[in-house]
Amino acid sequence: MAGKTIFKQIIDREAPAKIVYEDEQCLAFEDIHPAAPTHLIVIPKKEIVSVDGIEPEDEALIGHLFVAIRKIVAKLGVTGGYRVVTNCGPDSGQMVMHLHFHVLAGRKLGRLG
C-alpha cells in the first residue's frame, strides 16, 4: 500500500479524529462531513483496502466489526434504527482505500433501491 491513508494516520494518531470507540481490532470516529445527525466511520486497525481485499483469515475480524458497531450504537443511545454502509472501489464512491463502514442514524433515512 503506497503511503498511509488518512484512516491509517488516525489509527497511528498522526491525524486528528473525534474517536468514539476503540478496542484492539477497530476504531470508530465521527465523520467530518456527516450525512446524518449521527454519522460514524468504523474501521479495522488492520489495513484492508475494501471488501474485495477481505481474505478468509479476516472472517473473525469482520464479525468483530459488526459486534463493535452494535456496541457503539447502544453506547450512543441510538434509537429508531441505523444504517451501515460500505463502498467498494472508486466507482462506488469509495474515497479512502481502507475498508470502512459508515454508520448513519438520528433521522429517518430514505429507502435504498
PDB file of N, CA and C in Angstrom:
ATOM      1  N   MET A   1       0.854  -1.176   0.000  1.00  0.00           N
ATOM      2  CA  MET A   1       0.000   0.000   0.000  1.00  0.00           C
ATOM      3  C   MET A   1       0.899   1.238   0.000  1.00  0.00           C
ATOM      4  N   ALA A   2       0.735   2.088  -0.996  1.00  0.00           N
ATOM      5  CA  ALA A   2       1.600   3.261  -1.143  1.00  0.00           C
ATOM      6  C   ALA A   2       1.145   4.371  -0.217  1.00  0.00           C
ATOM      7  N   GLY A   3       2.013   4.762   0.711  1.00  0.00           N
ATOM      8  CA  GLY A   3       1.669   5.848   1.630  1.00  0.00           C
ATOM      9  C   GLY A   3       0.559   5.470   2.587  1.00  0.00           C
ATOM     10  N   LYS A   4       0.434   6.251   3.623  1.00  0.00           N
ATOM     11  CA  LYS A   4      -0.600   5.988   4.626  1.00  0.00           C
ATOM     12  C   LYS A   4      -1.897   6.684   4.231  1.00  0.00           C
ATOM     13  N   THR A   5      -3.001   5.957   4.352  1.00  0.00           N
ATOM     14  CA  THR A   5      -4.297   6.592   4.152  1.00  0.00           C
ATOM     15  C   THR A   5      -4.590   7.470   5.372  1.00  0.00           C
ATOM     16  N   ILE A   6      -5.551   8.349   5.231  1.00  0.00           N
ATOM     17  CA  ILE A   6      -5.961   9.179   6.362  1.00  0.00           C
ATOM     18  C   ILE A   6      -6.445   8.299   7.517  1.00  0.00           C
ATOM     19  N   PHE A   7      -7.059   7.166   7.215  1.00  0.00           N
ATOM     20  CA  PHE A   7      -7.531   6.289   8.290  1.00  0.00           C
ATOM     21  C   PHE A   7      -6.365   5.659   9.033  1.00  0.00           C
ATOM     22  N   LYS A   8      -5.318   5.264   8.330  1.00  0.00           N
ATOM     23  CA  LYS A   8      -4.125   4.735   8.992  1.00  0.00           C
ATOM     24  C   LYS A   8      -3.471   5.833   9.830  1.00  0.00           C
ATOM     25  N   GLN A   9      -3.474   7.060   9.328  1.00  0.00           N
ATOM     26  CA  GLN A   9      -2.937   8.171  10.102  1.00  0.00           C
ATOM     27  C   GLN A   9      -3.748   8.396  11.381  1.00  0.00           C
ATOM     28  N   ILE A  10      -5.067   8.221  11.305  1.00  0.00           N
ATOM     29  CA  ILE A  10      -5.907   8.337  12.507  1.00  0.00           C
ATOM     30  C   ILE A  10      -5.578   7.214  13.478  1.00  0.00           C
ATOM     31  N   ILE A  11      -5.449   5.993  12.984  1.00  0.00           N
ATOM     32  CA  ILE A  11      -5.079   4.861  13.843  1.00  0.00           C
ATOM     33  C   ILE A  11      -3.763   5.144  14.553  1.00  0.00           C
ATOM     34  N   ASP A  12      -2.797   5.687  13.822  1.00  0.00           N
ATOM     35  CA  ASP A  12      -1.464   5.974  14.363  1.00  0.00           C
ATOM     36  C   ASP A  12      -1.403   7.293  15.131  1.00  0.00           C
ATOM     37  N   ARG A  13      -2.541   7.979  15.246  1.00  0.00           N
ATOM     38  CA  ARG A  13      -2.643   9.262  15.955  1.00  0.00           C
ATOM     39  C   ARG A  13      -1.796  10.361  15.301  1.00  0.00           C
ATOM     40  N   GLU A  14      -1.642  10.265  14.004  1.00  0.00           N
ATOM     41  CA  GLU A  14      -0.929  11.286  13.248  1.00  0.00           C
ATOM     42  C   GLU A  14      -1.891  12.301  12.632  1.00  0.00           C
ATOM     43  N   ALA A  15      -3.175  11.980  12.644  1.00  0.00           N
ATOM     44  CA  ALA A  15      -4.217  12.882  12.150  1.00  0.00           C
ATOM     45  C   ALA A  15      -5.318  12.918  13.202  1.00  0.00           C
ATOM     46  N   PRO A  16      -5.947  14.071  13.376  1.00  0.00           N
ATOM     47  CA  PRO A  16      -6.985  14.188  14.403  1.00  0.00           C
ATOM     48  C   PRO A  16      -8.286  13.510  13.992  1.00  0.00           C
ATOM     49  N   ALA A  17      -9.021  13.051  14.984  1.00  0.00           N
ATOM     50  CA  ALA A  17     -10.356  12.492  14.775  1.00  0.00           C
ATOM     51  C   ALA A  17     -11.066  12.502  16.116  1.00  0.00           C
ATOM     52  N   LYS A  18     -12.369  12.645  16.071  1.00  0.00           N
ATOM     53  CA  LYS A  18     -13.183  12.575  17.288  1.00  0.00           C
ATOM     54  C   LYS A  18     -13.569  11.098  17.483  1.00  0.00           C
ATOM     55  N   ILE A  19     -12.726  10.391  18.203  1.00  0.00           N
ATOM     56  CA  ILE A  19     -12.890   8.946  18.395  1.00  0.00           C
ATOM     57  C   ILE A  19     -13.986   8.686  19.419  1.00  0.00           C
ATOM     58  N   VAL A  20     -14.906   7.791  19.061  1.00  0.00           N
ATOM     59  CA  VAL A  20     -15.996   7.444  19.973  1.00  0.00           C
ATOM     60  C   VAL A  20     -15.870   6.021  20.516  1.00  0.00           C
ATOM     61  N   TYR A  21     -15.004   5.224  19.904  1.00  0.00           N
ATOM     62  CA  TYR A  21     -14.837   3.831  20.347  1.00  0.00           C
ATOM     63  C   TYR A  21     -13.502   3.318  19.823  1.00  0.00           C
ATOM     64  N   GLU A  22     -12.853   2.512  20.647  1.00  0.00           N
ATOM     65  CA  GLU A  22     -11.629   1.849  20.206  1.00  0.00           C
ATOM     66  C   GLU A  22     -11.448   0.581  21.012  1.00  0.00           C
ATOM     67  N   ASP A  23     -10.989  -0.458  20.331  1.00  0.00           N
ATOM     68  CA  ASP A  23     -10.545  -1.668  21.005  1.00  0.00           C
ATOM     69  C   ASP A  23      -9.308  -2.167  20.266  1.00  0.00           C
ATOM     70  N   GLU A  24      -8.877  -3.370  20.543  1.00  0.00           N
ATOM     71  CA  GLU A  24      -7.628  -3.859  19.966  1.00  0.00           C
ATOM     72  C   GLU A  24      -7.703  -4.083  18.452  1.00  0.00           C
ATOM     73  N   GLN A  25      -8.918  -4.207  17.908  1.00  0.00           N
ATOM     74  CA  GLN A  25      -9.051  -4.527  16.488  1.00  0.00           C
ATOM     75  C   GLN A  25      -9.661  -3.433  15.629  1.00  0.00           C
ATOM     76  N   CYS A  26     -10.324  -2.467  16.260  1.00  0.00           N
ATOM     77  CA  CYS A  26     -11.016  -1.468  15.449  1.00  0.00           C
ATOM     78  C   CYS A  26     -11.097  -0.119  16.141  1.00  0.00           C
ATOM     79  N   LEU A  27     -11.546   0.850  15.359  1.00  0.00           N
ATOM     80  CA  LEU A  27     -11.648   2.229  15.809  1.00  0.00           C
ATOM     81  C   LEU A  27     -12.893   2.824  15.162  1.00  0.00           C
ATOM     82  N   ALA A  28     -13.610   3.676  15.905  1.00  0.00           N
ATOM     83  CA  ALA A  28     -14.769   4.380  15.353  1.00  0.00           C
ATOM     84  C   ALA A  28     -14.632   5.855  15.680  1.00  0.00           C
ATOM     85  N   PHE A  29     -14.966   6.684  14.704  1.00  0.00           N
ATOM     86  CA  PHE A  29     -14.862   8.130  14.901  1.00  0.00           C
ATOM     87  C   PHE A  29     -15.953   8.828  14.105  1.00  0.00           C
ATOM     88  N   GLU A  30     -16.202  10.084  14.446  1.00  0.00           N
ATOM     89  CA  GLU A  30     -17.229  10.865  13.771  1.00  0.00           C
ATOM     90  C   GLU A  30     -16.757  11.259  12.378  1.00  0.00           C
ATOM     91  N   ASP A  31     -17.656  11.164  11.406  1.00  0.00           N
ATOM     92  CA  ASP A  31     -17.362  11.586  10.044  1.00  0.00           C
ATOM     93  C   ASP A  31     -17.249  13.116  10.017  1.00  0.00           C
ATOM     94  N   ILE A  32     -16.269  13.643   9.312  1.00  0.00           N
ATOM     95  CA  ILE A  32     -16.096  15.098   9.276  1.00  0.00           C
ATOM     96  C   ILE A  32     -17.094  15.782   8.335  1.00  0.00           C
ATOM     97  N   HIS A  33     -17.773  15.007   7.498  1.00  0.00           N
ATOM     98  CA  HIS A  33     -18.822  15.538   6.623  1.00  0.00           C
ATOM     99  C   HIS A  33     -20.082  14.696   6.829  1.00  0.00           C
ATOM    100  N   PRO A  34     -20.737  14.858   7.988  1.00  0.00           N
ATOM    101  CA  PRO A  34     -21.855  13.967   8.327  1.00  0.00           C
ATOM    102  C   PRO A  34     -23.044  14.085   7.371  1.00  0.00           C
ATOM    103  N   ALA A  35     -23.603  12.932   7.032  1.00  0.00           N
ATOM    104  CA  ALA A  35     -24.793  12.860   6.192  1.00  0.00           C
ATOM    105  C   ALA A  35     -26.044  12.600   7.024  1.00  0.00           C
ATOM    106  N   ALA A  36     -25.880  12.523   8.342  1.00  0.00           N
ATOM    107  CA  ALA A  36     -26.986  12.309   9.287  1.00  0.00           C
ATOM    108  C   ALA A  36     -26.519  12.853  10.636  1.00  0.00           C
ATOM    109  N   PRO A  37     -27.460  13.101  11.552  1.00  0.00           N
ATOM    110  CA  PRO A  37     -27.057  13.606  12.872  1.00  0.00           C
ATOM    111  C   PRO A  37     -25.999  12.741  13.561  1.00  0.00           C
ATOM    112  N   THR A  38     -26.118  11.436  13.420  1.00  0.00           N
ATOM    113  CA  THR A  38     -25.068  10.519  13.853  1.00  0.00           C
ATOM    114  C   THR A  38     -24.477   9.915  12.590  1.00  0.00           C
ATOM    115  N   HIS A  39     -23.193  10.164  12.365  1.00  0.00           N
ATOM    116  CA  HIS A  39     -22.512   9.590  11.195  1.00  0.00           C
ATOM    117  C   HIS A  39     -21.104   9.232  11.640  1.00  0.00           C
ATOM    118  N   LEU A  40     -20.909   7.942  11.841  1.00  0.00           N
ATOM    119  CA  LEU A  40     -19.631   7.422  12.313  1.00  0.00           C
ATOM    120  C   LEU A  40     -18.941   6.637  11.211  1.00  0.00           C
ATOM    121  N   ILE A  41     -17.637   6.551  11.321  1.00  0.00           N
ATOM    122  CA  ILE A  41     -16.829   5.692  10.462  1.00  0.00           C
ATOM    123  C   ILE A  41     -16.227   4.629  11.379  1.00  0.00           C
ATOM    124  N   VAL A  42     -16.402   3.364  11.027  1.00  0.00           N
ATOM    125  CA  VAL A  42     -15.844   2.252  11.800  1.00  0.00           C
ATOM    126  C   VAL A  42     -14.846   1.539  10.900  1.00  0.00           C
ATOM    127  N   ILE A  43     -13.603   1.407  11.403  1.00  0.00           N
ATOM    128  CA  ILE A  43     -12.532   0.831  10.593  1.00  0.00           C
ATOM    129  C   ILE A  43     -11.800  -0.265  11.356  1.00  0.00           C
ATOM    130  N   PRO A  44     -11.328  -1.266  10.624  1.00  0.00           N
ATOM    131  CA  PRO A  44     -10.416  -2.214  11.270  1.00  0.00           C
ATOM    132  C   PRO A  44      -9.042  -1.561  11.384  1.00  0.00           C
ATOM    133  N   LYS A  45      -8.303  -1.919  12.405  1.00  0.00           N
ATOM    134  CA  LYS A  45      -6.931  -1.417  12.510  1.00  0.00           C
ATOM    135  C   LYS A  45      -6.029  -2.099  11.481  1.00  0.00           C
ATOM    136  N   LYS A  46      -6.408  -3.293  11.082  1.00  0.00           N
ATOM    137  CA  LYS A  46      -5.681  -3.980  10.015  1.00  0.00           C
ATOM    138  C   LYS A  46      -5.979  -3.264   8.706  1.00  0.00           C
ATOM    139  N   GLU A  47      -4.961  -3.026   7.920  1.00  0.00           N
ATOM    140  CA  GLU A  47      -5.154  -2.349   6.641  1.00  0.00           C
ATOM    141  C   GLU A  47      -5.683  -3.333   5.600  1.00  0.00           C
ATOM    142  N   ILE A  48      -6.938  -3.146   5.262  1.00  0.00           N
ATOM    143  CA  ILE A  48      -7.616  -3.901   4.212  1.00  0.00           C
ATOM    144  C   ILE A  48      -8.185  -2.838   3.279  1.00  0.00           C
ATOM    145  N   VAL A  49      -7.959  -2.955   1.998  1.00  0.00           N
ATOM    146  CA  VAL A  49      -8.343  -1.900   1.053  1.00  0.00           C
ATOM    147  C   VAL A  49      -9.858  -1.725   0.970  1.00  0.00           C
ATOM    148  N   SER A  50     -10.585  -2.826   0.834  1.00  0.00           N
ATOM    149  CA  SER A  50     -12.045  -2.766   0.662  1.00  0.00           C
ATOM    150  C   SER A  50     -12.599  -4.169   0.894  1.00  0.00           C
ATOM    151  N   VAL A  51     -13.879  -4.333   0.650  1.00  0.00           N
ATOM    152  CA  VAL A  51     -14.481  -5.669   0.748  1.00  0.00           C
ATOM    153  C   VAL A  51     -13.734  -6.645  -0.155  1.00  0.00           C
ATOM    154  N   ASP A  52     -13.293  -6.178  -1.305  1.00  0.00           N
ATOM    155  CA  ASP A  52     -12.546  -7.043  -2.224  1.00  0.00           C
ATOM    156  C   ASP A  52     -11.201  -7.495  -1.661  1.00  0.00           C
ATOM    157  N   GLY A  53     -10.713  -6.826  -0.633  1.00  0.00           N
ATOM    158  CA  GLY A  53      -9.435  -7.196  -0.028  1.00  0.00           C
ATOM    159  C   GLY A  53      -9.563  -8.103   1.183  1.00  0.00           C
ATOM    160  N   ILE A  54     -10.793  -8.449   1.544  1.00  0.00           N
ATOM    161  CA  ILE A  54     -11.009  -9.334   2.695  1.00  0.00           C
ATOM    162  C   ILE A  54     -10.577 -10.745   2.320  1.00  0.00           C
ATOM    163  N   GLU A  55      -9.767 -11.338   3.177  1.00  0.00           N
ATOM    164  CA  GLU A  55      -9.288 -12.703   2.971  1.00  0.00           C
ATOM    165  C   GLU A  55      -9.979 -13.641   3.959  1.00  0.00           C
ATOM    166  N   PRO A  56      -9.947 -14.959   3.706  1.00  0.00           N
ATOM    167  CA  PRO A  56     -10.581 -15.901   4.635  1.00  0.00           C
ATOM    168  C   PRO A  56     -10.116 -15.729   6.086  1.00  0.00           C
ATOM    169  N   GLU A  57      -8.852 -15.375   6.279  1.00  0.00           N
ATOM    170  CA  GLU A  57      -8.352 -15.212   7.653  1.00  0.00           C
ATOM    171  C   GLU A  57      -8.914 -13.961   8.334  1.00  0.00           C
ATOM    172  N   ASP A  58      -9.625 -13.104   7.600  1.00  0.00           N
ATOM    173  CA  ASP A  58     -10.231 -11.896   8.169  1.00  0.00           C
ATOM    174  C   ASP A  58     -11.659 -12.116   8.648  1.00  0.00           C
ATOM    175  N   GLU A  59     -12.155 -13.327   8.520  1.00  0.00           N
ATOM    176  CA  GLU A  59     -13.552 -13.596   8.852  1.00  0.00           C
ATOM    177  C   GLU A  59     -13.903 -13.181  10.282  1.00  0.00           C
ATOM    178  N   ALA A  60     -13.097 -13.528  11.248  1.00  0.00           N
ATOM    179  CA  ALA A  60     -13.381 -13.164  12.647  1.00  0.00           C
ATOM    180  C   ALA A  60     -13.318 -11.648  12.832  1.00  0.00           C
ATOM    181  N   LEU A  61     -12.388 -10.989  12.166  1.00  0.00           N
ATOM    182  CA  LEU A  61     -12.269  -9.533  12.258  1.00  0.00           C
ATOM    183  C   LEU A  61     -13.534  -8.851  11.739  1.00  0.00           C
ATOM    184  N   ILE A  62     -14.045  -9.310  10.620  1.00  0.00           N
ATOM    185  CA  ILE A  62     -15.246  -8.698  10.039  1.00  0.00           C
ATOM    186  C   ILE A  62     -16.438  -8.900  10.975  1.00  0.00           C
ATOM    187  N   GLY A  63     -16.570 -10.071  11.554  1.00  0.00           N
ATOM    188  CA  GLY A  63     -17.620 -10.289  12.552  1.00  0.00           C
ATOM    189  C   GLY A  63     -17.438  -9.365  13.742  1.00  0.00           C
ATOM    190  N   HIS A  64     -16.199  -9.195  14.170  1.00  0.00           N
ATOM    191  CA  HIS A  64     -15.894  -8.315  15.301  1.00  0.00           C
ATOM    192  C   HIS A  64     -16.337  -6.879  15.007  1.00  0.00           C
ATOM    193  N   LEU A  65     -16.117  -6.411  13.779  1.00  0.00           N
ATOM    194  CA  LEU A  65     -16.522  -5.051  13.422  1.00  0.00           C
ATOM    195  C   LEU A  65     -18.023  -4.850  13.593  1.00  0.00           C
ATOM    196  N   PHE A  66     -18.811  -5.840  13.191  1.00  0.00           N
ATOM    197  CA  PHE A  66     -20.263  -5.702  13.321  1.00  0.00           C
ATOM    198  C   PHE A  66     -20.722  -5.792  14.773  1.00  0.00           C
ATOM    199  N   VAL A  67     -20.065  -6.592  15.574  1.00  0.00           N
ATOM    200  CA  VAL A  67     -20.370  -6.624  17.008  1.00  0.00           C
ATOM    201  C   VAL A  67     -20.007  -5.276  17.634  1.00  0.00           C
ATOM    202  N   ALA A  68     -18.877  -4.707  17.219  1.00  0.00           N
ATOM    203  CA  ALA A  68     -18.467  -3.387  17.716  1.00  0.00           C
ATOM    204  C   ALA A  68     -19.484  -2.323  17.320  1.00  0.00           C
ATOM    205  N   ILE A  69     -19.978  -2.374  16.096  1.00  0.00           N
ATOM    206  CA  ILE A  69     -20.993  -1.403  15.658  1.00  0.00           C
ATOM    207  C   ILE A  69     -22.202  -1.482  16.575  1.00  0.00           C
ATOM    208  N   ARG A  70     -22.638  -2.673  16.887  1.00  0.00           N
ATOM    209  CA  ARG A  70     -23.786  -2.834  17.782  1.00  0.00           C
ATOM    210  C   ARG A  70     -23.503  -2.215  19.148  1.00  0.00           C
ATOM    211  N   LYS A  71     -22.303  -2.435  19.685  1.00  0.00           N
ATOM    212  CA  LYS A  71     -21.918  -1.844  20.976  1.00  0.00           C
ATOM    213  C   LYS A  71     -21.897  -0.320  20.900  1.00  0.00           C
ATOM    214  N   ILE A  72     -21.367   0.205  19.812  1.00  0.00           N
ATOM    215  CA  ILE A  72     -21.228   1.652  19.657  1.00  0.00           C
ATOM    216  C   ILE A  72     -22.597   2.325  19.622  1.00  0.00           C
ATOM    217  N   VAL A  73     -23.515   1.814  18.815  1.00  0.00           N
ATOM    218  CA  VAL A  73     -24.829   2.461  18.724  1.00  0.00           C
ATOM    219  C   VAL A  73     -25.577   2.352  20.050  1.00  0.00           C
ATOM    220  N   ALA A  74     -25.385   1.261  20.766  1.00  0.00           N
ATOM    221  CA  ALA A  74     -26.006   1.139  22.091  1.00  0.00           C
ATOM    222  C   ALA A  74     -25.407   2.166  23.044  1.00  0.00           C
ATOM    223  N   LYS A  75     -24.082   2.296  23.034  1.00  0.00           N
ATOM    224  CA  LYS A  75     -23.382   3.259  23.897  1.00  0.00           C
ATOM    225  C   LYS A  75     -23.848   4.683  23.621  1.00  0.00           C
ATOM    226  N   LEU A  76     -24.089   4.998  22.355  1.00  0.00           N
ATOM    227  CA  LEU A  76     -24.514   6.339  21.972  1.00  0.00           C
ATOM    228  C   LEU A  76     -26.017   6.560  22.138  1.00  0.00           C
ATOM    229  N   GLY A  77     -26.740   5.508  22.505  1.00  0.00           N
ATOM    230  CA  GLY A  77     -28.179   5.642  22.723  1.00  0.00           C
ATOM    231  C   GLY A  77     -28.983   5.801  21.449  1.00  0.00           C
ATOM    232  N   VAL A  78     -28.487   5.267  20.351  1.00  0.00           N
ATOM    233  CA  VAL A  78     -29.203   5.352  19.083  1.00  0.00           C
ATOM    234  C   VAL A  78     -30.501   4.561  19.187  1.00  0.00           C
ATOM    235  N   THR A  79     -31.602   5.200  18.816  1.00  0.00           N
ATOM    236  CA  THR A  79     -32.900   4.527  18.802  1.00  0.00           C
ATOM    237  C   THR A  79     -33.539   4.724  17.434  1.00  0.00           C
ATOM    238  N   GLY A  80     -34.482   3.884  17.106  1.00  0.00           N
ATOM    239  CA  GLY A  80     -35.206   4.030  15.850  1.00  0.00           C
ATOM    240  C   GLY A  80     -34.514   3.440  14.640  1.00  0.00           C
ATOM    241  N   GLY A  81     -33.366   2.834  14.842  1.00  0.00           N
ATOM    242  CA  GLY A  81     -32.663   2.189  13.740  1.00  0.00           C
ATOM    243  C   GLY A  81     -31.471   2.971  13.247  1.00  0.00           C
ATOM    244  N   TYR A  82     -30.684   2.316  12.440  1.00  0.00           N
ATOM    245  CA  TYR A  82     -29.486   2.918  11.863  1.00  0.00           C
ATOM    246  C   TYR A  82     -29.121   2.156  10.601  1.00  0.00           C
ATOM    247  N   ARG A  83     -28.277   2.760   9.806  1.00  0.00           N
ATOM    248  CA  ARG A  83     -27.833   2.149   8.550  1.00  0.00           C
ATOM    249  C   ARG A  83     -26.330   1.939   8.609  1.00  0.00           C
ATOM    250  N   VAL A  84     -25.877   0.804   8.069  1.00  0.00           N
ATOM    251  CA  VAL A  84     -24.454   0.510   7.951  1.00  0.00           C
ATOM    252  C   VAL A  84     -24.167   0.343   6.455  1.00  0.00           C
ATOM    253  N   VAL A  85     -23.204   1.135   5.953  1.00  0.00           N
ATOM    254  CA  VAL A  85     -22.908   1.156   4.516  1.00  0.00           C
ATOM    255  C   VAL A  85     -21.410   1.045   4.311  1.00  0.00           C
ATOM    256  N   THR A  86     -21.013   0.304   3.283  1.00  0.00           N
ATOM    257  CA  THR A  86     -19.620   0.316   2.852  1.00  0.00           C
ATOM    258  C   THR A  86     -19.590   0.415   1.337  1.00  0.00           C
ATOM    259  N   ASN A  87     -18.586   1.086   0.842  1.00  0.00           N
ATOM    260  CA  ASN A  87     -18.386   1.211  -0.601  1.00  0.00           C
ATOM    261  C   ASN A  87     -17.165   0.375  -0.976  1.00  0.00           C
ATOM    262  N   CYS A  88     -17.178  -0.138  -2.195  1.00  0.00           N
ATOM    263  CA  CYS A  88     -16.079  -0.994  -2.643  1.00  0.00           C
ATOM    264  C   CYS A  88     -15.596  -0.521  -4.006  1.00  0.00           C
ATOM    265  N   GLY A  89     -14.501   0.222  -3.990  1.00  0.00           N
ATOM    266  CA  GLY A  89     -13.903   0.696  -5.229  1.00  0.00           C
ATOM    267  C   GLY A  89     -14.349   2.099  -5.608  1.00  0.00           C
ATOM    268  N   PRO A  90     -13.571   2.738  -6.451  1.00  0.00           N
ATOM    269  CA  PRO A  90     -13.833   4.130  -6.831  1.00  0.00           C
ATOM    270  C   PRO A  90     -15.205   4.359  -7.468  1.00  0.00           C
ATOM    271  N   ASP A  91     -15.684   3.433  -8.290  1.00  0.00           N
ATOM    272  CA  ASP A  91     -16.975   3.632  -8.948  1.00  0.00           C
ATOM    273  C   ASP A  91     -18.143   3.620  -7.963  1.00  0.00           C
ATOM    274  N   SER A  92     -17.935   3.066  -6.771  1.00  0.00           N
ATOM    275  CA  SER A  92     -18.989   3.044  -5.761  1.00  0.00           C
ATOM    276  C   SER A  92     -18.973   4.297  -4.898  1.00  0.00           C
ATOM    277  N   GLY A  93     -17.919   5.090  -5.047  1.00  0.00           N
ATOM    278  CA  GLY A  93     -17.777   6.285  -4.227  1.00  0.00           C
ATOM    279  C   GLY A  93     -16.758   6.118  -3.110  1.00  0.00           C
ATOM    280  N   GLN A  94     -16.052   4.994  -3.065  1.00  0.00           N
ATOM    281  CA  GLN A  94     -15.036   4.813  -2.026  1.00  0.00           C
ATOM    282  C   GLN A  94     -13.912   5.811  -2.271  1.00  0.00           C
ATOM    283  N   MET A  95     -13.681   6.667  -1.270  1.00  0.00           N
ATOM    284  CA  MET A  95     -12.663   7.703  -1.411  1.00  0.00           C
ATOM    285  C   MET A  95     -11.386   7.369  -0.650  1.00  0.00           C
ATOM    286  N   VAL A  96     -11.507   6.631   0.444  1.00  0.00           N
ATOM    287  CA  VAL A  96     -10.338   6.229   1.223  1.00  0.00           C
ATOM    288  C   VAL A  96     -10.179   4.728   1.047  1.00  0.00           C
ATOM    289  N   MET A  97      -9.035   4.301   0.549  1.00  0.00           N
ATOM    290  CA  MET A  97      -8.814   2.898   0.255  1.00  0.00           C
ATOM    291  C   MET A  97      -8.361   2.138   1.504  1.00  0.00           C
ATOM    292  N   HIS A  98      -9.258   2.123   2.472  1.00  0.00           N
ATOM    293  CA  HIS A  98      -9.115   1.368   3.723  1.00  0.00           C
ATOM    294  C   HIS A  98     -10.543   0.966   4.065  1.00  0.00           C
ATOM    295  N   LEU A  99     -10.792  -0.314   4.201  1.00  0.00           N
ATOM    296  CA  LEU A  99     -12.142  -0.807   4.496  1.00  0.00           C
ATOM    297  C   LEU A  99     -12.750   0.005   5.626  1.00  0.00           C
ATOM    298  N   HIS A 100     -13.962   0.491   5.406  1.00  0.00           N
ATOM    299  CA  HIS A 100     -14.646   1.246   6.452  1.00  0.00           C
ATOM    300  C   HIS A 100     -16.150   1.131   6.277  1.00  0.00           C
ATOM    301  N   PHE A 101     -16.814   1.278   7.396  1.00  0.00           N
ATOM    302  CA  PHE A 101     -18.271   1.214   7.434  1.00  0.00           C
ATOM    303  C   PHE A 101     -18.809   2.540   7.944  1.00  0.00           C
ATOM    304  N   HIS A 102     -19.752   3.111   7.202  1.00  0.00           N
ATOM    305  CA  HIS A 102     -20.455   4.304   7.641  1.00  0.00           C
ATOM    306  C   HIS A 102     -21.643   3.842   8.475  1.00  0.00           C
ATOM    307  N   VAL A 103     -21.820   4.430   9.643  1.00  0.00           N
ATOM    308  CA  VAL A 103     -22.980   4.156  10.489  1.00  0.00           C
ATOM    309  C   VAL A 103     -23.759   5.462  10.557  1.00  0.00           C
ATOM    310  N   LEU A 104     -24.987   5.429  10.039  1.00  0.00           N
ATOM    311  CA  LEU A 104     -25.828   6.623   9.959  1.00  0.00           C
ATOM    312  C   LEU A 104     -27.084   6.435  10.793  1.00  0.00           C
ATOM    313  N   ALA A 105     -27.432   7.463  11.569  1.00  0.00           N
ATOM    314  CA  ALA A 105     -28.620   7.392  12.417  1.00  0.00           C
ATOM    315  C   ALA A 105     -29.031   8.809  12.807  1.00  0.00           C
ATOM    316  N   GLY A 106     -30.140   8.889  13.507  1.00  0.00           N
ATOM    317  CA  GLY A 106     -30.589  10.172  14.049  1.00  0.00           C
ATOM    318  C   GLY A 106     -31.623  10.881  13.227  1.00  0.00           C
ATOM    319  N   ARG A 107     -31.996  10.293  12.111  1.00  0.00           N
ATOM    320  CA  ARG A 107     -33.085  10.827  11.280  1.00  0.00           C
ATOM    321  C   ARG A 107     -33.619   9.675  10.447  1.00  0.00           C
ATOM    322  N   LYS A 108     -34.809   9.886   9.897  1.00  0.00           N
ATOM    323  CA  LYS A 108     -35.374   8.873   9.019  1.00  0.00           C
ATOM    324  C   LYS A 108     -34.554   8.846   7.730  1.00  0.00           C
ATOM    325  N   LEU A 109     -34.077   7.696   7.379  1.00  0.00           N
ATOM    326  CA  LEU A 109     -33.253   7.522   6.183  1.00  0.00           C
ATOM    327  C   LEU A 109     -34.115   6.964   5.061  1.00  0.00           C
ATOM    328  N   GLY A 110     -33.947   7.475   3.863  1.00  0.00           N
ATOM    329  CA  GLY A 110     -34.732   7.003   2.722  1.00  0.00           C
ATOM    330  C   GLY A 110     -34.401   5.569   2.366  1.00  0.00           C
ATOM    331  N   ARG A 111     -35.334   4.957   1.680  1.00  0.00           N
ATOM    332  CA  ARG A 111     -35.137   3.577   1.229  1.00  0.00           C
ATOM    333  C   ARG A 111     -34.061   3.516   0.170  1.00  0.00           C
ATOM    334  N   LEU A 112     -33.364   2.409   0.143  1.00  0.00           N
ATOM    335  CA  LEU A 112     -32.373   2.155  -0.891  1.00  0.00           C
ATOM    336  C   LEU A 112     -32.997   1.245  -1.934  1.00  0.00           C
ATOM    337  N   GLY A 113     -32.670   1.473  -3.178  1.00  0.00           N
ATOM    338  CA  GLY A 113     -33.111   0.562  -4.233  1.00  0.00           C
ATOM    339  C   GLY A 113     -34.425   0.793  -4.772  1.00  0.00           C
TER     340      GLY A 113
END
